[in-house]
């Protein structure tokens, strides 16, 4: 089944045809009107240079008017000869027959019955185009009509391709394939959702997550701020460092810059509860701190950090490089990256 885009929006046409496998573009005067196109000929010329096949309306109330409009369109500086769209009617199928005899291709559209489809096929139409959405709006079995059109075209060896149009949602595309139609023309809003599926999204996200865990180094995930204090610093200074870095801990180092311990916002809350605000002027050495923090090497992979978070049920891990604190990996950093639930 060939896939066409149904649009006159230049931006979305450019985007859609990046897919690389769309066979063509269908347009209507209604689309032109909705998008405020006033220079219709100019738009047709531009569109012909953007797509491999362009289907445009050759509008007229009589055979001569339809054929005349098709001939007029052919005088435009088009990149290639278009397919002429003609609404089904006695005059329309007569014009289709004339244009086909001249070597042009015609899409007879606005088809709502099998009789109309038959007349289009008999007139030599290259495409016969019932409208699924509009038929269903009126309570008709649109899919049955498409199946009948495909069956008639194959039974009597008509060259016409049955085109599924008036697509409203992805389910229409599935129905088009099952009905055996040759072409389906789809608006961009529907077309770009054809690959969507919640289970696919979940699976792909897991693949990305696991790949990042297995390929990203811890030092690539830590924040720029590296809050560091010495045991001789006050709790107030430690709190200021935490606030500036937006982390819930500070790393403690000795005079040589080597790891000495860790002090967390949880430690501050516990000390305040036990002793009151007076402790804020005491040093970290006086109030006490953990001298056995959980650490990880900067060149370790993120999955190792995840194992530590889970094993020790902690919120922060000190990241070391040659025993010198390089930063703090916070559990929220992994959550924001989508690497930890």
Protein backbone atom coordinates (compact mmCIF):
# COMPACT_ATOMS: atom_id res chain seq x y z
CA UNK A 1 0.00 0.00 0.00
CA UNK A 2 1.48 3.34 -1.08
CA UNK A 3 1.43 6.13 1.48
CA UNK A 4 0.61 9.71 0.49
CA UNK A 5 0.46 12.91 2.51
CA UNK A 6 -2.78 14.91 2.48
CA UNK A 7 -1.78 18.56 3.03
CA UNK A 8 -0.90 21.98 1.62
CA UNK A 9 1.12 23.10 4.67
CA UNK A 10 4.65 23.67 3.35
CA UNK A 11 6.30 23.23 6.75
CA UNK A 12 4.68 19.89 7.51
CA UNK A 13 5.19 18.72 3.92
CA UNK A 14 8.93 19.31 4.29
CA UNK A 15 8.90 17.42 7.59
CA UNK A 16 6.81 14.51 6.34
CA UNK A 17 8.82 13.86 3.18
CA UNK A 18 11.99 13.51 5.25
CA UNK A 19 10.66 10.02 5.91
CA UNK A 20 11.88 9.21 2.43
CA UNK A 21 9.20 6.73 1.36
CA UNK A 22 6.05 8.80 0.82
CA UNK A 23 4.91 8.38 -2.77
CA UNK A 24 3.09 11.66 -3.26
CA UNK A 25 0.92 14.50 -2.05
CA UNK A 26 -2.83 15.09 -2.35
CA UNK A 27 -4.35 18.56 -2.06
CA UNK A 28 -7.83 20.08 -2.10
CA UNK A 29 -9.22 23.58 -2.60
CA UNK A 30 -10.58 23.27 0.96
CA UNK A 31 -7.03 22.85 2.30
CA UNK A 32 -5.92 25.87 0.29
CA UNK A 33 -8.71 27.95 1.79
CA UNK A 34 -8.06 26.78 5.37
CA UNK A 35 -4.38 27.70 5.12
CA UNK A 36 -5.06 31.11 3.65
CA UNK A 37 -3.51 30.34 0.26
CA UNK A 38 -4.46 33.14 -2.14
CA UNK A 39 -2.00 32.41 -4.96
CA UNK A 40 -3.20 28.89 -5.77
CA UNK A 41 -1.16 28.60 -8.98
CA UNK A 42 1.97 29.71 -7.14
CA UNK A 43 1.33 27.15 -4.41
CA UNK A 44 0.86 24.38 -6.98
CA UNK A 45 4.13 25.28 -8.69
CA UNK A 46 5.98 25.26 -5.37
CA UNK A 47 4.43 21.97 -4.28
CA UNK A 48 5.33 20.28 -7.57
CA UNK A 49 8.97 20.90 -6.80
CA UNK A 50 8.70 19.46 -3.31
CA UNK A 51 7.16 16.03 -3.88
CA UNK A 52 7.54 13.07 -6.29
CA UNK A 53 3.87 13.13 -7.29
CA UNK A 54 1.35 15.94 -6.89
CA UNK A 55 -2.42 15.54 -7.15
CA UNK A 56 -4.31 18.79 -7.77
CA UNK A 57 -7.89 19.72 -8.51
CA UNK A 58 -9.00 20.32 -12.10
CA UNK A 59 -12.29 21.92 -11.12
CA UNK A 60 -15.17 22.65 -13.45
CA UNK A 61 -18.89 22.04 -13.83
CA UNK A 62 -18.71 20.70 -17.39
CA UNK A 63 -16.50 18.39 -19.37
CA UNK A 64 -14.99 21.29 -21.28
CA UNK A 65 -14.35 23.32 -18.13
CA UNK A 66 -12.61 20.41 -16.39
CA UNK A 67 -10.44 19.56 -19.39
CA UNK A 68 -9.74 23.24 -19.96
CA UNK A 69 -8.61 23.72 -16.37
CA UNK A 70 -6.33 20.67 -16.63
CA UNK A 71 -4.78 22.08 -19.79
CA UNK A 72 -4.33 25.46 -18.11
CA UNK A 73 -2.54 23.87 -15.15
CA UNK A 74 -0.16 22.18 -17.59
CA UNK A 75 0.99 25.62 -18.80
CA UNK A 76 2.37 26.38 -15.32
CA UNK A 77 6.14 25.87 -14.76
CA UNK A 78 5.62 22.59 -12.91
CA UNK A 79 8.47 20.24 -11.96
CA UNK A 80 6.49 17.30 -13.31
CA UNK A 81 3.05 16.56 -14.71
CA UNK A 82 0.43 16.33 -11.95
CA UNK A 83 -2.39 13.91 -11.38
CA UNK A 84 -5.68 15.72 -11.93
CA UNK A 85 -8.35 15.32 -9.27
CA UNK A 86 -11.92 15.39 -10.54
CA UNK A 87 -15.12 14.97 -8.45
CA UNK A 88 -17.25 12.06 -9.66
CA UNK A 89 -20.18 13.02 -11.89
CA UNK A 90 -21.27 12.29 -15.46
CA UNK A 91 -19.31 15.32 -16.62
CA UNK A 92 -16.40 14.35 -14.38
CA UNK A 93 -16.03 10.79 -15.66
CA UNK A 94 -16.38 12.03 -19.24
CA UNK A 95 -13.54 14.49 -18.58
CA UNK A 96 -11.58 11.67 -16.96
CA UNK A 97 -11.96 9.60 -20.10
CA UNK A 98 -10.78 12.49 -22.29
CA UNK A 99 -7.77 13.33 -20.14
CA UNK A 100 -6.80 9.67 -19.84
CA UNK A 101 -6.95 9.32 -23.62
CA UNK A 102 -4.56 12.29 -23.83
CA UNK A 103 -2.08 10.43 -21.63
CA UNK A 104 -2.82 12.14 -18.33
CA UNK A 105 -3.64 10.47 -15.02
CA UNK A 106 -6.86 11.31 -13.16
CA UNK A 107 -8.02 10.76 -9.58
CA UNK A 108 -11.82 10.56 -9.50
CA UNK A 109 -12.72 11.43 -5.91
CA UNK A 110 -15.64 12.29 -3.64
CA UNK A 111 -16.82 8.73 -4.28
CA UNK A 112 -19.52 7.42 -1.94
CA UNK A 113 -21.02 4.44 -3.77
CA UNK A 114 -19.85 1.40 -5.68
CA UNK A 115 -21.69 2.62 -8.78
CA UNK A 116 -19.70 5.86 -8.70
CA UNK A 117 -16.49 3.88 -8.27
CA UNK A 118 -17.41 1.66 -11.22
CA UNK A 119 -18.03 4.67 -13.47
CA UNK A 120 -14.63 6.08 -12.52
CA UNK A 121 -12.89 2.78 -13.28
CA UNK A 122 -14.70 2.40 -16.57
CA UNK A 123 -13.63 5.94 -17.53
CA UNK A 124 -9.99 4.96 -17.07
CA UNK A 125 -9.29 6.67 -13.74
CA UNK A 126 -5.79 6.08 -12.38
CA UNK A 127 -7.13 6.51 -8.84
CA UNK A 128 -10.60 6.00 -7.37
CA UNK A 129 -11.01 7.74 -4.08
CA UNK A 130 -13.87 7.10 -1.62
CA UNK A 131 -13.83 9.13 1.62
CA UNK A 132 -13.75 6.94 4.73
CA UNK A 133 -14.32 9.54 7.43
CA UNK A 134 -17.16 11.30 5.64
CA UNK A 135 -18.88 8.01 4.86
CA UNK A 136 -18.68 6.93 8.49
CA UNK A 137 -19.98 10.33 9.60
CA UNK A 138 -23.16 9.46 7.68
CA UNK A 139 -23.43 6.02 9.23
CA UNK A 140 -22.23 4.05 6.19
CA UNK A 141 -19.94 1.02 6.19
CA UNK A 142 -16.98 2.73 4.55
CA UNK A 143 -14.64 -0.24 4.88
CA UNK A 144 -17.07 -2.48 3.04
CA UNK A 145 -17.11 -0.02 0.13
CA UNK A 146 -13.31 -0.05 -0.08
CA UNK A 147 -13.27 -3.85 -0.08
CA UNK A 148 -15.86 -3.89 -2.87
CA UNK A 149 -13.90 -1.36 -4.93
CA UNK A 150 -10.70 -3.41 -4.60
CA UNK A 151 -12.60 -6.57 -5.56
CA UNK A 152 -14.16 -4.97 -8.66
CA UNK A 153 -10.86 -3.49 -9.83
CA UNK A 154 -9.16 -6.87 -9.54
CA UNK A 155 -12.06 -8.90 -10.94
CA UNK A 156 -12.36 -6.86 -14.12
CA UNK A 157 -8.68 -5.91 -14.43
CA UNK A 158 -9.24 -2.17 -14.17
CA UNK A 159 -5.91 -0.30 -13.85
CA UNK A 160 -7.34 2.01 -11.18
CA UNK A 161 -5.71 2.18 -7.76
CA UNK A 162 -8.21 2.43 -4.90
CA UNK A 163 -7.24 5.31 -2.63
CA UNK A 164 -8.32 5.45 1.02
CA UNK A 165 -8.91 9.10 1.99
CA UNK A 166 -10.59 11.24 4.66
CA UNK A 167 -8.35 9.59 7.26
CA UNK A 168 -9.16 10.75 10.77
CA UNK A 169 -7.01 8.57 13.04
CA UNK A 170 -4.38 5.78 12.90
CA UNK A 171 -7.03 3.07 13.02
CA UNK A 172 -8.15 4.17 9.54
CA UNK A 173 -4.70 3.28 8.17
CA UNK A 174 -4.92 -0.20 9.68
CA UNK A 175 -8.38 -0.63 8.16
CA UNK A 176 -7.06 0.56 4.79
CA UNK A 177 -4.36 -2.11 4.78
CA UNK A 178 -6.79 -4.87 5.76
CA UNK A 179 -9.22 -3.73 3.04
CA UNK A 180 -6.46 -4.21 0.47
CA UNK A 181 -6.49 -0.68 -0.93
CA UNK A 182 -3.58 0.38 -3.08
CA UNK A 183 -3.04 3.88 -1.72
CA UNK A 184 -3.78 5.67 1.56
CA UNK A 185 -3.50 9.45 1.83
CA UNK A 186 -3.02 10.65 5.38
CA UNK A 187 -2.81 14.04 7.15
CA UNK A 188 0.47 14.72 8.95
CA UNK A 189 -1.21 14.74 12.36
CA UNK A 190 -2.18 11.10 11.85
CA UNK A 191 0.87 10.03 9.88
CA UNK A 192 3.35 10.96 12.59
CA UNK A 193 1.41 8.88 15.13
CA UNK A 194 1.56 5.62 13.18
CA UNK A 195 4.69 4.47 15.03
CA UNK A 196 3.32 5.43 18.46
CA UNK A 197 2.65 2.73 21.02
CA UNK A 198 2.94 3.01 24.79
CA UNK A 199 4.59 -0.41 25.13
CA UNK A 200 7.18 0.50 22.48
CA UNK A 201 7.89 3.76 24.30
CA UNK A 202 8.38 1.97 27.62
CA UNK A 203 10.66 -0.60 26.04
CA UNK A 204 12.75 1.97 24.17
CA UNK A 205 13.10 4.11 27.30
CA UNK A 206 14.35 1.07 29.18
CA UNK A 207 16.92 0.38 26.47
CA UNK A 208 18.15 3.98 26.62
CA UNK A 209 18.20 3.91 30.42
CA UNK A 210 20.15 0.67 30.62
CA UNK A 211 22.57 1.79 27.92
CA UNK A 212 23.30 5.02 29.76
CA UNK A 213 23.80 3.16 33.03
CA UNK A 214 26.30 0.86 31.33
CA UNK A 215 28.18 3.56 29.38
CA UNK A 216 28.06 6.79 31.42
CA UNK A 217 30.81 7.49 33.95
CA UNK A 218 29.88 8.78 37.39
CA UNK A 219 31.99 11.90 36.91
CA UNK A 220 29.88 12.79 33.87
CA UNK A 221 26.71 12.85 35.96
CA UNK A 222 27.74 14.88 39.00
CA UNK A 223 26.87 18.54 39.37
CA UNK A 224 29.30 21.39 38.82
CA UNK A 225 29.19 22.43 42.48
CA UNK A 226 31.40 20.46 44.85
CA UNK A 227 30.48 21.51 48.41
CA UNK A 228 33.50 20.92 50.66
CA UNK A 229 34.13 21.80 54.31
CA UNK A 230 36.75 21.02 56.91
CA UNK A 231 35.96 19.61 60.36
CA UNK A 232 36.91 22.98 61.82
CA UNK A 233 34.11 24.75 59.91
CA UNK A 234 30.80 25.56 61.62
CA UNK A 235 27.44 23.95 60.96
CA UNK A 236 26.27 27.31 59.61
CA UNK A 237 28.99 27.25 56.95
CA UNK A 238 28.06 23.68 56.05
CA UNK A 239 24.42 24.69 55.68
CA UNK A 240 25.39 27.61 53.43
CA UNK A 241 27.44 25.25 51.25
CA UNK A 242 24.51 22.85 50.94
CA UNK A 243 22.16 25.69 50.01
CA UNK A 244 24.53 27.05 47.36
CA UNK A 245 25.01 23.64 45.74
CA UNK A 246 21.40 22.52 46.24
CA UNK A 247 22.75 19.27 47.60
CA UNK A 248 21.86 17.60 50.86
CA UNK A 249 25.42 17.02 52.01
CA UNK A 250 28.94 18.44 52.22
CA UNK A 251 32.13 16.47 51.87
CA UNK A 252 34.68 16.92 54.71
CA UNK A 253 38.38 17.00 53.87
CA UNK A 254 41.57 17.22 55.90
CA UNK A 255 44.31 19.80 55.49
CA UNK A 256 45.68 17.91 52.48
CA UNK A 257 42.32 17.83 50.71
CA UNK A 258 41.82 14.12 51.27
CA UNK A 259 38.48 12.65 52.25
CA UNK A 260 37.73 12.92 55.95
CA UNK A 261 33.96 12.33 56.12
CA UNK A 262 30.52 13.57 55.21
CA UNK A 263 27.92 15.75 56.89
CA UNK A 264 24.31 15.75 55.68
CA UNK A 265 21.21 17.90 56.04
CA UNK A 266 19.77 15.00 58.01
CA UNK A 267 22.62 15.34 60.49
CA UNK A 268 21.78 19.03 60.92
CA UNK A 269 18.10 18.30 61.58
CA UNK A 270 18.94 15.67 64.17
CA UNK A 271 21.42 17.95 65.96
CA UNK A 272 18.91 20.81 66.04
CA UNK A 273 16.25 18.52 67.46
CA UNK A 274 18.60 17.22 70.13
CA UNK A 275 20.41 20.42 71.15
CA UNK A 276 18.63 23.41 69.65
CA UNK A 277 19.85 26.32 67.46
CA UNK A 278 22.97 26.97 69.58
CA UNK A 279 24.77 24.18 67.73
CA UNK A 280 24.80 26.19 64.50
CA UNK A 281 27.92 28.02 65.75
CA UNK A 282 29.70 24.82 66.74
CA UNK A 283 32.21 23.13 64.49
CA UNK A 284 31.55 19.95 62.61
CA UNK A 285 34.26 18.29 64.69
CA UNK A 286 32.40 19.25 67.88
CA UNK A 287 28.99 18.05 66.75
CA UNK A 288 30.26 14.91 65.06
CA UNK A 289 30.06 13.58 61.51
CA UNK A 290 30.33 10.32 59.63
CA UNK A 291 33.95 9.42 58.91
CA UNK A 292 32.95 6.38 56.84
CA UNK A 293 30.94 7.84 53.93
CA UNK A 294 29.83 5.75 51.00
CA UNK A 295 32.12 6.56 48.07
CA UNK A 296 32.58 5.67 44.43
CA UNK A 297 35.40 6.27 41.99
CA UNK A 298 34.89 8.97 39.35
CA UNK A 299 35.55 6.52 36.51
CA UNK A 300 32.99 4.00 37.74
CA UNK A 301 29.86 3.44 35.65
CA UNK A 302 26.48 4.73 36.76
CA UNK A 303 25.03 1.27 37.26
CA UNK A 304 27.57 0.78 40.09
CA UNK A 305 26.26 3.95 41.75
CA UNK A 306 22.67 2.70 41.41
CA UNK A 307 23.71 -0.51 43.17
CA UNK A 308 25.19 1.52 46.03
CA UNK A 309 22.08 3.68 46.38
CA UNK A 310 19.90 0.58 46.57
CA UNK A 311 22.21 -1.38 48.83
CA UNK A 312 22.77 1.33 51.44
CA UNK A 313 19.47 3.21 51.07
CA UNK A 314 21.23 6.57 50.96
CA UNK A 315 20.67 9.83 49.07
CA UNK A 316 24.25 10.92 48.38
CA UNK A 317 27.51 9.27 47.34
CA UNK A 318 30.92 10.94 47.53
CA UNK A 319 32.76 10.77 44.20
CA UNK A 320 36.52 10.34 44.51
CA UNK A 321 39.46 10.75 42.19
CA UNK A 322 42.73 9.59 43.77
CA UNK A 323 41.03 9.85 47.18
CA UNK A 324 40.28 13.53 46.54
CA UNK A 325 36.54 14.41 46.52
CA UNK A 326 35.52 15.39 43.02
CA UNK A 327 31.86 15.98 43.85
CA UNK A 328 28.68 14.44 45.19
CA UNK A 329 26.30 12.22 43.24
CA UNK A 330 22.79 12.81 44.51
CA UNK A 331 20.05 10.24 43.98
CA UNK A 332 17.84 12.97 42.51
CA UNK A 333 20.37 13.49 39.73
CA UNK A 334 19.66 9.97 38.50
CA UNK A 335 15.92 10.43 38.89
CA UNK A 336 16.01 13.58 36.75
CA UNK A 337 17.99 11.71 34.10
CA UNK A 338 15.31 9.05 34.07
CA UNK A 339 17.81 6.45 35.28
CA UNK A 340 16.19 5.70 38.62
CA UNK A 341 12.52 5.42 39.50
